[in-house]
Amino acid sequence: MNIIYTYFCSILTLDTMKARLNLTIDQSLLEEVKQYATLKNTSVSELVEEYFKVIIQPKKKSFVELIKELPKPKIDEHFDWKEENYKDKMKKYGL
């Protein structure tokens, strides 16, 4: 029982370790953000925290960027693709 209590206390301690942050923004913007937070059933602090979590994550690379990073195959520049395709079709279909 004591181990479970200690475990839950450590989880609660980790989740509640917050730091204070002062921001200076336009008063009208603050009022709009407060209204938005109320509509979303959250707080301005939670909105800011979630935004910070989003912007610090590393940017995911697109499929094209990943393909461009692949090593280039070492193929002879005089390689005849049409001829090789023709040979493969002959082998496959027995022509």
N, C-alpha and C. Protein backbone atom coordinates (compact mmCIF):
# COMPACT_ATOMS: atom_id res chain seq x y z
N MET A 1 0.83 -1.20 0.00
CA MET A 1 0.00 0.00 0.00
C MET A 1 0.87 1.25 0.00
N ASN A 2 1.93 1.24 0.78
CA ASN A 2 2.81 2.39 0.88
C ASN A 2 3.54 2.65 -0.44
N ILE A 3 3.89 1.58 -1.17
CA ILE A 3 4.57 1.72 -2.46
C ILE A 3 3.65 2.40 -3.48
N ILE A 4 2.38 2.00 -3.49
CA ILE A 4 1.42 2.60 -4.42
C ILE A 4 1.23 4.07 -4.10
N TYR A 5 1.13 4.40 -2.82
CA TYR A 5 0.97 5.80 -2.40
C TYR A 5 2.18 6.63 -2.85
N THR A 6 3.36 6.09 -2.66
CA THR A 6 4.58 6.79 -3.06
C THR A 6 4.60 6.99 -4.57
N TYR A 7 4.18 5.97 -5.32
CA TYR A 7 4.14 6.06 -6.78
C TYR A 7 3.20 7.18 -7.23
N PHE A 8 1.99 7.21 -6.67
CA PHE A 8 1.03 8.25 -7.06
C PHE A 8 1.50 9.63 -6.65
N CYS A 9 2.14 9.74 -5.51
CA CYS A 9 2.67 11.05 -5.09
C CYS A 9 3.75 11.52 -6.05
N SER A 10 4.59 10.61 -6.51
CA SER A 10 5.65 11.02 -7.43
C SER A 10 5.05 11.45 -8.78
N ILE A 11 3.99 10.79 -9.22
CA ILE A 11 3.31 11.19 -10.46
C ILE A 11 2.70 12.58 -10.30
N LEU A 12 2.02 12.79 -9.19
CA LEU A 12 1.40 14.09 -8.95
C LEU A 12 2.45 15.19 -8.86
N THR A 13 3.58 14.89 -8.27
CA THR A 13 4.64 15.88 -8.14
C THR A 13 5.20 16.23 -9.51
N LEU A 14 5.39 15.23 -10.37
CA LEU A 14 5.90 15.49 -11.71
C LEU A 14 4.93 16.32 -12.53
N ASP A 15 3.64 16.04 -12.40
CA ASP A 15 2.65 16.74 -13.20
C ASP A 15 2.37 18.15 -12.70
N THR A 16 2.68 18.45 -11.46
CA THR A 16 2.34 19.76 -10.91
C THR A 16 3.53 20.69 -10.79
N MET A 17 4.70 20.28 -11.28
CA MET A 17 5.86 21.16 -11.22
C MET A 17 5.73 22.20 -12.33
N LYS A 18 5.28 23.36 -11.98
CA LYS A 18 5.05 24.44 -12.93
C LYS A 18 5.93 25.63 -12.56
N ALA A 19 6.27 26.43 -13.56
CA ALA A 19 7.04 27.65 -13.34
C ALA A 19 6.17 28.82 -13.77
N ARG A 20 6.37 29.93 -13.13
CA ARG A 20 5.61 31.13 -13.44
C ARG A 20 6.27 31.87 -14.60
N LEU A 21 5.45 32.41 -15.51
CA LEU A 21 5.94 33.15 -16.67
C LEU A 21 5.09 34.41 -16.83
N ASN A 22 5.75 35.54 -16.90
CA ASN A 22 5.04 36.81 -17.13
C ASN A 22 5.15 37.18 -18.60
N LEU A 23 4.00 37.48 -19.19
CA LEU A 23 3.95 37.90 -20.58
C LEU A 23 3.36 39.29 -20.67
N THR A 24 3.83 40.05 -21.62
CA THR A 24 3.26 41.37 -21.87
C THR A 24 2.64 41.34 -23.26
N ILE A 25 1.31 41.49 -23.31
CA ILE A 25 0.61 41.51 -24.59
C ILE A 25 -0.43 42.62 -24.56
N ASP A 26 -0.95 42.94 -25.71
CA ASP A 26 -1.96 43.98 -25.85
C ASP A 26 -3.21 43.59 -25.06
N GLN A 27 -3.81 44.55 -24.36
CA GLN A 27 -4.96 44.28 -23.50
C GLN A 27 -6.14 43.71 -24.28
N SER A 28 -6.40 44.25 -25.47
CA SER A 28 -7.54 43.74 -26.26
C SER A 28 -7.30 42.30 -26.71
N LEU A 29 -6.05 42.00 -27.03
CA LEU A 29 -5.71 40.62 -27.41
C LEU A 29 -5.92 39.69 -26.23
N LEU A 30 -5.52 40.12 -25.05
CA LEU A 30 -5.70 39.30 -23.84
C LEU A 30 -7.18 39.00 -23.60
N GLU A 31 -8.03 40.00 -23.79
CA GLU A 31 -9.46 39.78 -23.58
C GLU A 31 -10.00 38.76 -24.58
N GLU A 32 -9.56 38.85 -25.82
CA GLU A 32 -10.01 37.88 -26.83
C GLU A 32 -9.51 36.48 -26.51
N VAL A 33 -8.28 36.39 -26.05
CA VAL A 33 -7.72 35.08 -25.70
C VAL A 33 -8.45 34.49 -24.51
N LYS A 34 -8.80 35.32 -23.54
CA LYS A 34 -9.56 34.82 -22.39
C LYS A 34 -10.92 34.29 -22.83
N GLN A 35 -11.58 35.00 -23.74
CA GLN A 35 -12.87 34.53 -24.25
C GLN A 35 -12.71 33.19 -24.99
N TYR A 36 -11.64 33.11 -25.79
CA TYR A 36 -11.37 31.87 -26.52
C TYR A 36 -11.14 30.71 -25.54
N ALA A 37 -10.34 30.97 -24.51
CA ALA A 37 -10.06 29.94 -23.51
C ALA A 37 -11.34 29.49 -22.82
N THR A 38 -12.21 30.43 -22.52
CA THR A 38 -13.48 30.09 -21.89
C THR A 38 -14.32 29.20 -22.81
N LEU A 39 -14.36 29.54 -24.09
CA LEU A 39 -15.12 28.72 -25.05
C LEU A 39 -14.56 27.31 -25.15
N LYS A 40 -13.25 27.17 -25.00
CA LYS A 40 -12.59 25.87 -25.12
C LYS A 40 -12.47 25.15 -23.77
N ASN A 41 -13.06 25.72 -22.74
CA ASN A 41 -13.00 25.15 -21.38
C ASN A 41 -11.57 24.90 -20.92
N THR A 42 -10.73 25.89 -21.10
CA THR A 42 -9.33 25.80 -20.70
C THR A 42 -8.90 27.14 -20.14
N SER A 43 -7.63 27.27 -19.85
CA SER A 43 -7.10 28.54 -19.34
C SER A 43 -6.11 29.11 -20.34
N VAL A 44 -5.81 30.39 -20.17
CA VAL A 44 -4.81 31.03 -21.01
C VAL A 44 -3.46 30.35 -20.81
N SER A 45 -3.15 30.00 -19.58
CA SER A 45 -1.89 29.32 -19.29
C SER A 45 -1.78 28.00 -20.04
N GLU A 46 -2.86 27.24 -20.05
CA GLU A 46 -2.84 25.96 -20.75
C GLU A 46 -2.70 26.16 -22.26
N LEU A 47 -3.34 27.21 -22.80
CA LEU A 47 -3.19 27.51 -24.23
C LEU A 47 -1.73 27.83 -24.57
N VAL A 48 -1.11 28.66 -23.74
CA VAL A 48 0.28 29.03 -23.97
C VAL A 48 1.18 27.82 -23.84
N GLU A 49 0.95 27.00 -22.83
CA GLU A 49 1.77 25.81 -22.62
C GLU A 49 1.67 24.85 -23.80
N GLU A 50 0.45 24.62 -24.29
CA GLU A 50 0.27 23.73 -25.44
C GLU A 50 0.94 24.30 -26.69
N TYR A 51 0.86 25.61 -26.87
CA TYR A 51 1.52 26.23 -28.01
C TYR A 51 3.03 26.04 -27.93
N PHE A 52 3.59 26.25 -26.76
CA PHE A 52 5.03 26.06 -26.58
C PHE A 52 5.44 24.62 -26.86
N LYS A 53 4.62 23.67 -26.46
CA LYS A 53 4.92 22.27 -26.74
C LYS A 53 4.96 22.00 -28.24
N VAL A 54 4.07 22.65 -28.97
CA VAL A 54 4.03 22.46 -30.42
C VAL A 54 5.26 23.05 -31.09
N ILE A 55 5.65 24.26 -30.70
CA ILE A 55 6.74 24.92 -31.42
C ILE A 55 8.12 24.39 -31.10
N ILE A 56 8.29 23.68 -29.97
CA ILE A 56 9.62 23.14 -29.66
C ILE A 56 9.85 21.76 -30.22
N GLN A 57 8.81 21.12 -30.73
CA GLN A 57 9.00 19.80 -31.33
C GLN A 57 9.76 19.93 -32.63
N PRO A 58 10.65 18.99 -32.90
CA PRO A 58 11.39 19.06 -34.17
C PRO A 58 10.43 18.94 -35.35
N LYS A 59 10.74 19.68 -36.40
CA LYS A 59 9.90 19.67 -37.59
C LYS A 59 10.01 18.31 -38.28
N LYS A 60 8.88 17.76 -38.64
CA LYS A 60 8.88 16.49 -39.36
C LYS A 60 9.22 16.77 -40.82
N LYS A 61 10.04 15.90 -41.37
CA LYS A 61 10.45 16.06 -42.76
C LYS A 61 9.38 15.49 -43.68
N SER A 62 9.25 16.13 -44.83
CA SER A 62 8.30 15.64 -45.82
C SER A 62 8.88 14.41 -46.51
N PHE A 63 8.03 13.70 -47.22
CA PHE A 63 8.45 12.51 -47.95
C PHE A 63 9.52 12.87 -48.98
N VAL A 64 9.34 13.99 -49.65
CA VAL A 64 10.30 14.42 -50.68
C VAL A 64 11.66 14.70 -50.05
N GLU A 65 11.68 15.35 -48.88
CA GLU A 65 12.95 15.63 -48.19
C GLU A 65 13.65 14.33 -47.80
N LEU A 66 12.88 13.36 -47.33
CA LEU A 66 13.47 12.07 -46.96
C LEU A 66 14.06 11.36 -48.16
N ILE A 67 13.37 11.40 -49.29
CA ILE A 67 13.87 10.77 -50.52
C ILE A 67 15.15 11.43 -50.98
N LYS A 68 15.21 12.76 -50.91
CA LYS A 68 16.41 13.49 -51.34
C LYS A 68 17.62 13.16 -50.49
N GLU A 69 17.39 12.74 -49.24
CA GLU A 69 18.50 12.40 -48.34
C GLU A 69 19.06 11.00 -48.58
N LEU A 70 18.33 10.18 -49.33
CA LEU A 70 18.81 8.82 -49.60
C LEU A 70 20.09 8.87 -50.42
N PRO A 71 20.98 7.91 -50.18
CA PRO A 71 22.22 7.90 -50.99
C PRO A 71 21.90 7.60 -52.45
N LYS A 72 22.63 8.24 -53.33
CA LYS A 72 22.43 8.04 -54.76
C LYS A 72 23.01 6.68 -55.17
N PRO A 73 22.29 5.92 -56.02
CA PRO A 73 22.82 4.64 -56.47
C PRO A 73 24.00 4.85 -57.43
N LYS A 74 24.94 3.94 -57.39
CA LYS A 74 26.11 4.02 -58.26
C LYS A 74 25.82 3.25 -59.54
N ILE A 75 25.39 3.99 -60.55
CA ILE A 75 25.04 3.40 -61.84
C ILE A 75 25.90 4.06 -62.90
N ASP A 76 26.40 3.23 -63.79
CA ASP A 76 27.22 3.74 -64.89
C ASP A 76 26.38 4.73 -65.70
N GLU A 77 26.99 5.86 -66.06
CA GLU A 77 26.24 6.88 -66.79
C GLU A 77 25.86 6.43 -68.19
N HIS A 78 26.49 5.39 -68.70
CA HIS A 78 26.18 4.87 -70.04
C HIS A 78 25.24 3.66 -69.97
N PHE A 79 24.66 3.43 -68.82
CA PHE A 79 23.74 2.31 -68.63
C PHE A 79 22.51 2.51 -69.51
N ASP A 80 22.14 1.49 -70.26
CA ASP A 80 21.01 1.57 -71.19
C ASP A 80 19.78 0.94 -70.53
N TRP A 81 18.92 1.80 -70.00
CA TRP A 81 17.74 1.33 -69.29
C TRP A 81 16.77 0.58 -70.22
N LYS A 82 16.59 1.09 -71.43
CA LYS A 82 15.67 0.46 -72.37
C LYS A 82 16.15 -0.94 -72.74
N GLU A 83 17.44 -1.08 -72.98
CA GLU A 83 18.01 -2.37 -73.35
C GLU A 83 17.83 -3.37 -72.20
N GLU A 84 18.10 -2.94 -70.98
CA GLU A 84 17.95 -3.83 -69.82
C GLU A 84 16.49 -4.23 -69.63
N ASN A 85 15.58 -3.28 -69.84
CA ASN A 85 14.15 -3.59 -69.74
C ASN A 85 13.76 -4.62 -70.80
N TYR A 86 14.25 -4.44 -72.01
CA TYR A 86 13.98 -5.37 -73.10
C TYR A 86 14.50 -6.77 -72.76
N LYS A 87 15.73 -6.85 -72.24
CA LYS A 87 16.31 -8.15 -71.87
C LYS A 87 15.50 -8.82 -70.77
N ASP A 88 15.07 -8.06 -69.79
CA ASP A 88 14.27 -8.62 -68.70
C ASP A 88 12.93 -9.15 -69.20
N LYS A 89 12.30 -8.43 -70.12
CA LYS A 89 11.01 -8.89 -70.67
C LYS A 89 11.21 -10.17 -71.48
N MET A 90 12.31 -10.24 -72.24
CA MET A 90 12.58 -11.44 -73.02
C MET A 90 12.79 -12.63 -72.10
N LYS A 91 13.52 -12.40 -71.01
CA LYS A 91 13.78 -13.48 -70.06
C LYS A 91 12.49 -13.91 -69.39
N LYS A 92 11.66 -12.94 -69.02
CA LYS A 92 10.42 -13.22 -68.30
C LYS A 92 9.41 -13.96 -69.17
N TYR A 93 9.25 -13.51 -70.43
CA TYR A 93 8.24 -14.08 -71.30
C TYR A 93 8.79 -15.10 -72.29
N GLY A 94 10.09 -15.34 -72.25
CA GLY A 94 10.71 -16.36 -73.09
C GLY A 94 10.70 -16.00 -74.56
N LEU A 95 10.90 -14.77 -74.89
CA LEU A 95 10.90 -14.35 -76.29
C LEU A 95 12.28 -14.45 -76.90
